[in-house]
PDB file of N, CA and C in Angstrom:
ATOM      1  N   MET A   1     -33.571 -10.945   8.870  1.00  0.00           N
ATOM      2  CA  MET A   1     -33.201 -11.479   7.545  1.00  0.00           C
ATOM      3  C   MET A   1     -32.915 -10.240   6.453  1.00  0.00           C
ATOM      4  N   ILE A   2     -33.726  -9.257   6.629  1.00  0.00           N
ATOM      5  CA  ILE A   2     -33.628  -8.241   5.814  1.00  0.00           C
ATOM      6  C   ILE A   2     -32.304  -7.406   5.935  1.00  0.00           C
ATOM      7  N   MET A   3     -31.892  -7.365   7.119  1.00  0.00           N
ATOM      8  CA  MET A   3     -30.654  -6.693   7.503  1.00  0.00           C
ATOM      9  C   MET A   3     -29.509  -7.188   6.692  1.00  0.00           C
ATOM     10  N   LYS A   4     -29.362  -8.709   6.731  1.00  0.00           N
ATOM     11  CA  LYS A   4     -28.340  -9.167   6.099  1.00  0.00           C
ATOM     12  C   LYS A   4     -28.292  -9.061   4.486  1.00  0.00           C
ATOM     13  N   LYS A   5     -29.416  -8.907   4.051  1.00  0.00           N
ATOM     14  CA  LYS A   5     -29.458  -8.575   2.528  1.00  0.00           C
ATOM     15  C   LYS A   5     -29.035  -7.273   2.125  1.00  0.00           C
ATOM     16  N   LYS A   6     -29.379  -6.262   3.118  1.00  0.00           N
ATOM     17  CA  LYS A   6     -28.835  -4.963   2.806  1.00  0.00           C
ATOM     18  C   LYS A   6     -27.421  -4.845   2.987  1.00  0.00           C
ATOM     19  N   LYS A   7     -26.826  -5.477   3.804  1.00  0.00           N
ATOM     20  CA  LYS A   7     -25.345  -5.624   4.023  1.00  0.00           C
ATOM     21  C   LYS A   7     -24.737  -6.100   2.847  1.00  0.00           C
ATOM     22  N   LYS A   8     -25.359  -7.305   2.291  1.00  0.00           N
ATOM     23  CA  LYS A   8     -24.673  -7.777   1.056  1.00  0.00           C
ATOM     24  C   LYS A   8     -25.021  -6.952  -0.075  1.00  0.00           C
ATOM     25  N   ASP A   9     -25.864  -5.959  -0.292  1.00  0.00           N
ATOM     26  CA  ASP A   9     -26.063  -5.158  -1.302  1.00  0.00           C
ATOM     27  C   ASP A   9     -25.134  -4.144  -1.428  1.00  0.00           C
ATOM     28  N   ARG A  10     -24.725  -3.680  -0.034  1.00  0.00           N
ATOM     29  CA  ARG A  10     -23.768  -2.474   0.113  1.00  0.00           C
ATOM     30  C   ARG A  10     -22.292  -3.004  -0.330  1.00  0.00           C
ATOM     31  N   ARG A  11     -21.904  -4.214   0.126  1.00  0.00           N
ATOM     32  CA  ARG A  11     -20.733  -4.804  -0.242  1.00  0.00           C
ATOM     33  C   ARG A  11     -20.589  -4.872  -1.671  1.00  0.00           C
ATOM     34  N   GLU A  12     -21.561  -5.526  -2.358  1.00  0.00           N
ATOM     35  CA  GLU A  12     -21.447  -5.782  -3.689  1.00  0.00           C
ATOM     36  C   GLU A  12     -21.410  -4.420  -4.494  1.00  0.00           C
ATOM     37  N   SER A  13     -22.094  -3.476  -4.165  1.00  0.00           N
ATOM     38  CA  SER A  13     -21.860  -2.168  -5.068  1.00  0.00           C
ATOM     39  C   SER A  13     -20.660  -1.283  -4.658  1.00  0.00           C
ATOM     40  N   ARG A  14     -19.817  -1.587  -3.453  1.00  0.00           N
ATOM     41  CA  ARG A  14     -18.691  -0.817  -3.425  1.00  0.00           C
ATOM     42  C   ARG A  14     -17.666  -1.436  -4.533  1.00  0.00           C
ATOM     43  N   ARG A  15     -16.894  -0.433  -5.074  1.00  0.00           N
ATOM     44  CA  ARG A  15     -15.911  -0.806  -6.287  1.00  0.00           C
ATOM     45  C   ARG A  15     -14.744  -0.454  -5.622  1.00  0.00           C
ATOM     46  N   ARG A  16     -13.609  -1.148  -6.062  1.00  0.00           N
ATOM     47  CA  ARG A  16     -12.206  -0.916  -5.601  1.00  0.00           C
ATOM     48  C   ARG A  16     -11.847   0.202  -6.532  1.00  0.00           C
ATOM     49  N   LYS A  17     -10.949   1.215  -5.973  1.00  0.00           N
ATOM     50  CA  LYS A  17     -10.241   2.005  -6.726  1.00  0.00           C
ATOM     51  C   LYS A  17      -9.212   1.502  -7.620  1.00  0.00           C
ATOM     52  N   PRO A  18      -8.835   1.901  -8.885  1.00  0.00           N
ATOM     53  CA  PRO A  18      -7.803   1.244  -9.567  1.00  0.00           C
ATOM     54  C   PRO A  18      -6.531   1.508  -9.030  1.00  0.00           C
ATOM     55  N   CYS A  19      -5.748   0.562  -9.134  1.00  0.00           N
ATOM     56  CA  CYS A  19      -4.238   0.533  -8.958  1.00  0.00           C
ATOM     57  C   CYS A  19      -3.456   1.790  -9.526  1.00  0.00           C
ATOM     58  N   PRO A  20      -2.925   2.730  -8.765  1.00  0.00           N
ATOM     59  CA  PRO A  20      -2.283   3.877  -9.329  1.00  0.00           C
ATOM     60  C   PRO A  20      -1.143   3.529 -10.206  1.00  0.00           C
ATOM     61  N   PHE A  21      -0.412   2.364 -10.064  1.00  0.00           N
ATOM     62  CA  PHE A  21       0.631   1.914 -11.071  1.00  0.00           C
ATOM     63  C   PHE A  21       0.023   1.317 -12.417  1.00  0.00           C
ATOM     64  N   CYS A  22      -1.211   0.785 -12.346  1.00  0.00           N
ATOM     65  CA  CYS A  22      -1.617   0.347 -13.538  1.00  0.00           C
ATOM     66  C   CYS A  22      -2.187   1.328 -14.296  1.00  0.00           C
ATOM     67  N   ALA A  23      -2.941   2.375 -13.615  1.00  0.00           N
ATOM     68  CA  ALA A  23      -3.622   3.492 -14.149  1.00  0.00           C
ATOM     69  C   ALA A  23      -2.716   4.428 -14.679  1.00  0.00           C
ATOM     70  N   ASN A  24      -1.427   4.723 -14.088  1.00  0.00           N
ATOM     71  CA  ASN A  24      -0.435   5.622 -14.568  1.00  0.00           C
ATOM     72  C   ASN A  24       0.822   4.813 -14.961  1.00  0.00           C
ATOM     73  N   LEU A  25       1.118   4.423 -16.044  1.00  0.00           N
ATOM     74  CA  LEU A  25       2.292   3.660 -16.382  1.00  0.00           C
ATOM     75  C   LEU A  25       3.558   4.495 -16.310  1.00  0.00           C
ATOM     76  N   GLU A  26       3.573   5.718 -16.035  1.00  0.00           N
ATOM     77  CA  GLU A  26       4.697   6.413 -15.947  1.00  0.00           C
ATOM     78  C   GLU A  26       5.348   6.382 -14.454  1.00  0.00           C
ATOM     79  N   LEU A  27       4.557   6.117 -13.422  1.00  0.00           N
ATOM     80  CA  LEU A  27       4.993   5.818 -12.259  1.00  0.00           C
ATOM     81  C   LEU A  27       5.925   4.616 -12.112  1.00  0.00           C
ATOM     82  N   ASP A  28       7.127   4.886 -11.501  1.00  0.00           N
ATOM     83  CA  ASP A  28       7.943   3.654 -11.541  1.00  0.00           C
ATOM     84  C   ASP A  28       8.162   3.367 -10.164  1.00  0.00           C
ATOM     85  N   ILE A  29       8.277   1.989  -9.907  1.00  0.00           N
ATOM     86  CA  ILE A  29       8.490   1.613  -8.323  1.00  0.00           C
ATOM     87  C   ILE A  29       9.963   1.242  -8.422  1.00  0.00           C
ATOM     88  N   ASP A  30      10.690   2.142  -7.523  1.00  0.00           N
ATOM     89  CA  ASP A  30      12.000   1.962  -7.509  1.00  0.00           C
ATOM     90  C   ASP A  30      12.640   2.498  -5.904  1.00  0.00           C
ATOM     91  N   TYR A  31      13.386   1.735  -5.464  1.00  0.00           N
ATOM     92  CA  TYR A  31      14.115   1.990  -4.184  1.00  0.00           C
ATOM     93  C   TYR A  31      14.452   3.399  -4.013  1.00  0.00           C
ATOM     94  N   LYS A  32      14.942   3.865  -4.937  1.00  0.00           N
ATOM     95  CA  LYS A  32      15.555   5.451  -4.746  1.00  0.00           C
ATOM     96  C   LYS A  32      14.403   6.597  -4.701  1.00  0.00           C
ATOM     97  N   ASN A  33      13.304   6.099  -4.941  1.00  0.00           N
ATOM     98  CA  ASN A  33      12.139   6.931  -5.020  1.00  0.00           C
ATOM     99  C   ASN A  33      11.520   6.900  -3.600  1.00  0.00           C
ATOM    100  N   ILE A  34      12.083   7.550  -2.471  1.00  0.00           N
ATOM    101  CA  ILE A  34      11.659   7.600  -1.145  1.00  0.00           C
ATOM    102  C   ILE A  34      10.409   8.070  -0.895  1.00  0.00           C
ATOM    103  N   ASP A  35       9.874   9.193  -1.702  1.00  0.00           N
ATOM    104  CA  ASP A  35       8.666   9.808  -1.406  1.00  0.00           C
ATOM    105  C   ASP A  35       7.557   8.905  -1.910  1.00  0.00           C
ATOM    106  N   LEU A  36       7.776   8.101  -2.803  1.00  0.00           N
ATOM    107  CA  LEU A  36       6.774   7.351  -3.426  1.00  0.00           C
ATOM    108  C   LEU A  36       6.495   6.101  -2.482  1.00  0.00           C
ATOM    109  N   LEU A  37       7.664   5.623  -1.994  1.00  0.00           N
ATOM    110  CA  LEU A  37       7.635   4.487  -1.084  1.00  0.00           C
ATOM    111  C   LEU A  37       7.150   4.832   0.371  1.00  0.00           C
ATOM    112  N   LYS A  38       7.227   6.062   0.845  1.00  0.00           N
ATOM    113  CA  LYS A  38       6.803   6.502   2.007  1.00  0.00           C
ATOM    114  C   LYS A  38       5.037   6.516   2.141  1.00  0.00           C
ATOM    115  N   ARG A  39       4.470   6.660   0.909  1.00  0.00           N
ATOM    116  CA  ARG A  39       3.023   6.464   0.866  1.00  0.00           C
ATOM    117  C   ARG A  39       2.638   5.180   1.240  1.00  0.00           C
ATOM    118  N   PHE A  40       3.542   4.281   1.041  1.00  0.00           N
ATOM    119  CA  PHE A  40       3.048   2.864   1.324  1.00  0.00           C
ATOM    120  C   PHE A  40       3.556   2.276   2.662  1.00  0.00           C
ATOM    121  N   VAL A  41       4.109   2.926   3.421  1.00  0.00           N
ATOM    122  CA  VAL A  41       4.702   2.802   4.857  1.00  0.00           C
ATOM    123  C   VAL A  41       3.875   3.558   5.899  1.00  0.00           C
ATOM    124  N   ASN A  42       3.279   2.923   6.865  1.00  0.00           N
ATOM    125  CA  ASN A  42       2.648   3.555   7.871  1.00  0.00           C
ATOM    126  C   ASN A  42       3.507   4.411   8.867  1.00  0.00           C
ATOM    127  N   ASP A  43       3.003   5.174   9.794  1.00  0.00           N
ATOM    128  CA  ASP A  43       3.841   5.961  10.698  1.00  0.00           C
ATOM    129  C   ASP A  43       4.813   5.306  11.595  1.00  0.00           C
ATOM    130  N   ARG A  44       4.411   3.814  11.713  1.00  0.00           N
ATOM    131  CA  ARG A  44       5.379   3.001  12.579  1.00  0.00           C
ATOM    132  C   ARG A  44       6.469   2.316  11.795  1.00  0.00           C
ATOM    133  N   GLY A  45       6.290   2.441  10.474  1.00  0.00           N
ATOM    134  CA  GLY A  45       7.416   1.885   9.635  1.00  0.00           C
ATOM    135  C   GLY A  45       6.882   0.443   9.159  1.00  0.00           C
ATOM    136  N   LYS A  46       5.583   0.122   9.155  1.00  0.00           N
ATOM    137  CA  LYS A  46       5.125  -1.092   8.597  1.00  0.00           C
ATOM    138  C   LYS A  46       4.665  -0.859   7.257  1.00  0.00           C
ATOM    139  N   ILE A  47       4.779  -1.901   6.309  1.00  0.00           N
ATOM    140  CA  ILE A  47       4.287  -1.967   5.144  1.00  0.00           C
ATOM    141  C   ILE A  47       2.828  -1.922   5.049  1.00  0.00           C
ATOM    142  N   VAL A  48       2.201  -1.061   4.266  1.00  0.00           N
ATOM    143  CA  VAL A  48       0.617  -0.976   4.396  1.00  0.00           C
ATOM    144  C   VAL A  48       0.062  -2.128   3.669  1.00  0.00           C
ATOM    145  N   PRO A  49      -0.815  -2.717   4.119  1.00  0.00           N
ATOM    146  CA  PRO A  49      -1.532  -3.944   3.354  1.00  0.00           C
ATOM    147  C   PRO A  49      -2.359  -3.469   1.925  1.00  0.00           C
ATOM    148  N   ARG A  50      -2.477  -4.411   1.179  1.00  0.00           N
ATOM    149  CA  ARG A  50      -2.992  -3.865  -0.237  1.00  0.00           C
ATOM    150  C   ARG A  50      -4.543  -3.646  -0.186  1.00  0.00           C
ATOM    151  N   ARG A  51      -5.282  -4.073   0.946  1.00  0.00           N
ATOM    152  CA  ARG A  51      -6.608  -3.551   0.785  1.00  0.00           C
ATOM    153  C   ARG A  51      -6.693  -2.150   1.349  1.00  0.00           C
ATOM    154  N   ASN A  52      -5.799  -1.787   2.083  1.00  0.00           N
ATOM    155  CA  ASN A  52      -5.649  -0.254   2.323  1.00  0.00           C
ATOM    156  C   ASN A  52      -5.092   0.680   1.444  1.00  0.00           C
ATOM    157  N   SER A  53      -4.106   0.264   0.751  1.00  0.00           N
ATOM    158  CA  SER A  53      -3.474   1.083  -0.441  1.00  0.00           C
ATOM    159  C   SER A  53      -3.953   1.179  -1.583  1.00  0.00           C
ATOM    160  N   GLY A  54      -4.803   0.029  -1.871  1.00  0.00           N
ATOM    161  CA  GLY A  54      -5.484   0.295  -3.075  1.00  0.00           C
ATOM    162  C   GLY A  54      -4.731  -0.274  -4.283  1.00  0.00           C
ATOM    163  N   VAL A  55      -3.602  -1.058  -4.213  1.00  0.00           N
ATOM    164  CA  VAL A  55      -2.791  -1.508  -5.120  1.00  0.00           C
ATOM    165  C   VAL A  55      -3.002  -2.912  -5.543  1.00  0.00           C
ATOM    166  N   CYS A  56      -2.554  -3.409  -6.786  1.00  0.00           N
ATOM    167  CA  CYS A  56      -2.963  -4.647  -7.276  1.00  0.00           C
ATOM    168  C   CYS A  56      -1.869  -5.583  -6.649  1.00  0.00           C
ATOM    169  N   ALA A  57      -2.097  -6.833  -6.636  1.00  0.00           N
ATOM    170  CA  ALA A  57      -1.236  -7.835  -6.166  1.00  0.00           C
ATOM    171  C   ALA A  57       0.366  -7.855  -6.632  1.00  0.00           C
ATOM    172  N   LYS A  58       0.267  -7.643  -8.152  1.00  0.00           N
ATOM    173  CA  LYS A  58       1.646  -7.565  -8.677  1.00  0.00           C
ATOM    174  C   LYS A  58       2.422  -6.371  -8.101  1.00  0.00           C
ATOM    175  N   HIS A  59       1.688  -5.144  -8.166  1.00  0.00           N
ATOM    176  CA  HIS A  59       2.490  -3.937  -7.559  1.00  0.00           C
ATOM    177  C   HIS A  59       2.744  -3.896  -6.131  1.00  0.00           C
ATOM    178  N   GLN A  60       1.928  -4.611  -5.496  1.00  0.00           N
ATOM    179  CA  GLN A  60       2.024  -4.794  -3.884  1.00  0.00           C
ATOM    180  C   GLN A  60       3.519  -5.467  -3.841  1.00  0.00           C
ATOM    181  N   ARG A  61       3.700  -6.599  -4.511  1.00  0.00           N
ATOM    182  CA  ARG A  61       4.864  -7.407  -4.196  1.00  0.00           C
ATOM    183  C   ARG A  61       6.061  -6.478  -4.758  1.00  0.00           C
ATOM    184  N   ALA A  62       5.920  -5.914  -5.748  1.00  0.00           N
ATOM    185  CA  ALA A  62       7.062  -4.908  -6.144  1.00  0.00           C
ATOM    186  C   ALA A  62       7.332  -3.928  -5.165  1.00  0.00           C
ATOM    187  N   ILE A  63       6.287  -3.426  -4.632  1.00  0.00           N
ATOM    188  CA  ILE A  63       6.644  -2.258  -3.570  1.00  0.00           C
ATOM    189  C   ILE A  63       7.275  -2.697  -2.238  1.00  0.00           C
ATOM    190  N   ALA A  64       6.735  -3.900  -1.798  1.00  0.00           N
ATOM    191  CA  ALA A  64       7.242  -4.735  -0.592  1.00  0.00           C
ATOM    192  C   ALA A  64       8.768  -4.862  -0.824  1.00  0.00           C
ATOM    193  N   LYS A  65       9.059  -5.352  -2.060  1.00  0.00           N
ATOM    194  CA  LYS A  65      10.626  -5.682  -2.380  1.00  0.00           C
ATOM    195  C   LYS A  65      11.467  -4.592  -2.379  1.00  0.00           C
ATOM    196  N   GLU A  66      10.823  -3.354  -2.927  1.00  0.00           N
ATOM    197  CA  GLU A  66      11.603  -2.103  -2.969  1.00  0.00           C
ATOM    198  C   GLU A  66      11.801  -1.370  -1.746  1.00  0.00           C
ATOM    199  N   ILE A  67      10.707  -1.649  -0.841  1.00  0.00           N
ATOM    200  CA  ILE A  67      10.812  -0.986   0.427  1.00  0.00           C
ATOM    201  C   ILE A  67      11.771  -1.835   1.291  1.00  0.00           C
ATOM    202  N   LYS A  68      11.911  -3.069   1.260  1.00  0.00           N
ATOM    203  CA  LYS A  68      12.869  -3.761   1.963  1.00  0.00           C
ATOM    204  C   LYS A  68      14.306  -3.553   1.444  1.00  0.00           C
ATOM    205  N   ARG A  69      14.523  -3.225   0.038  1.00  0.00           N
ATOM    206  CA  ARG A  69      15.711  -2.954  -0.370  1.00  0.00           C
ATOM    207  C   ARG A  69      16.196  -1.528  -0.108  1.00  0.00           C
ATOM    208  N   ALA A  70      15.104  -0.669   0.223  1.00  0.00           N
ATOM    209  CA  ALA A  70      15.516   0.758   0.803  1.00  0.00           C
ATOM    210  C   ALA A  70      15.791   0.744   2.113  1.00  0.00           C
ATOM    211  N   ARG A  71      15.022  -0.204   2.926  1.00  0.00           N
ATOM    212  CA  ARG A  71      15.517  -0.431   4.332  1.00  0.00           C
ATOM    213  C   ARG A  71      16.953  -0.952   4.578  1.00  0.00           C
ATOM    214  N   PHE A  72      17.384  -1.938   3.647  1.00  0.00           N
ATOM    215  CA  PHE A  72      18.647  -2.477   3.834  1.00  0.00           C
ATOM    216  C   PHE A  72      19.755  -1.356   3.479  1.00  0.00           C
ATOM    217  N   LEU A  73      19.366  -0.464   2.474  1.00  0.00           N
ATOM    218  CA  LEU A  73      20.296   0.567   2.255  1.00  0.00           C
ATOM    219  C   LEU A  73      20.194   1.756   3.251  1.00  0.00           C
ATOM    220  N   ALA A  74      19.392   1.597   4.198  1.00  0.00           N
ATOM    221  CA  ALA A  74      19.127   2.739   5.206  1.00  0.00           C
ATOM    222  C   ALA A  74      18.628   3.997   4.663  1.00  0.00           C
ATOM    223  N   LEU A  75      17.757   3.844   3.638  1.00  0.00           N
ATOM    224  CA  LEU A  75      17.167   5.046   3.089  1.00  0.00           C
ATOM    225  C   LEU A  75      15.683   5.243   3.791  1.00  0.00           C
ATOM    226  N   ILE A  76      15.096   4.146   4.268  1.00  0.00           N
ATOM    227  CA  ILE A  76      13.932   4.010   4.984  1.00  0.00           C
ATOM    228  C   ILE A  76      14.308   3.521   6.205  1.00  0.00           C
ATOM    229  N   PRO A  77      13.865   3.841   7.522  1.00  0.00           N
ATOM    230  CA  PRO A  77      14.013   3.135   8.660  1.00  0.00           C
ATOM    231  C   PRO A  77      13.075   1.920   8.945  1.00  0.00           C
ATOM    232  N   TYR A  78      13.890   1.065   9.472  1.00  0.00           N
ATOM    233  CA  TYR A  78      12.991  -0.415   9.673  1.00  0.00           C
ATOM    234  C   TYR A  78      11.838  -0.020  10.845  1.00  0.00           C
ATOM    235  N   VAL A  79      12.112   0.656  11.875  1.00  0.00           N
ATOM    236  CA  VAL A  79      11.280   0.998  12.887  1.00  0.00           C
ATOM    237  C   VAL A  79      11.306   2.493  13.308  1.00  0.00           C
ATOM    238  N   VAL A  80      10.103   3.036  13.354  1.00  0.00           N
ATOM    239  CA  VAL A  80      10.181   4.501  13.730  1.00  0.00           C
ATOM    240  C   VAL A  80       9.643   4.307  15.389  1.00  0.00           C
ATOM    241  N   TYR A  81      10.590   4.923  16.180  1.00  0.00           N
ATOM    242  CA  TYR A  81      10.312   4.830  17.713  1.00  0.00           C
ATOM    243  C   TYR A  81       9.520   5.940  17.957  1.00  0.00           C
ATOM    244  N   THR A  82       8.392   5.818  18.949  1.00  0.00           N
ATOM    245  CA  THR A  82       7.674   6.819  19.306  1.00  0.00           C
ATOM    246  C   THR A  82       7.623   6.654  20.899  1.00  0.00           C
ATOM    247  N   TYR A  83       7.927   7.881  21.525  1.00  0.00           N
ATOM    248  CA  TYR A  83       7.926   7.859  23.103  1.00  0.00           C
ATOM    249  C   TYR A  83       6.818   8.347  23.479  1.00  0.00           C
ATOM    250  N   ARG A  84       6.402   7.782  24.609  1.00  0.00           N
ATOM    251  CA  ARG A  84       5.130   8.052  25.260  1.00  0.00           C
ATOM    252  C   ARG A  84       5.545   8.993  26.518  1.00  0.00           C
TER     253      ARG A  84
END
């Protein structure tokens, strides 16, 4: 029972890092800003989830929308092929 209590305390003490877009209002989410969007796409071309990227829900929706827009315009690939 003591082990569960320690785990719970560790979880409660963990703080989420602030959203980079809420902290810095000058950052603009735009489909033309490929360098920024690539930070939120993993090596296989998938959109990184919110819990890993540290972005708030509002900005995660905007990032996903702009990534999809950039993919449609062929600025970012849909899939990155890796050969074994």
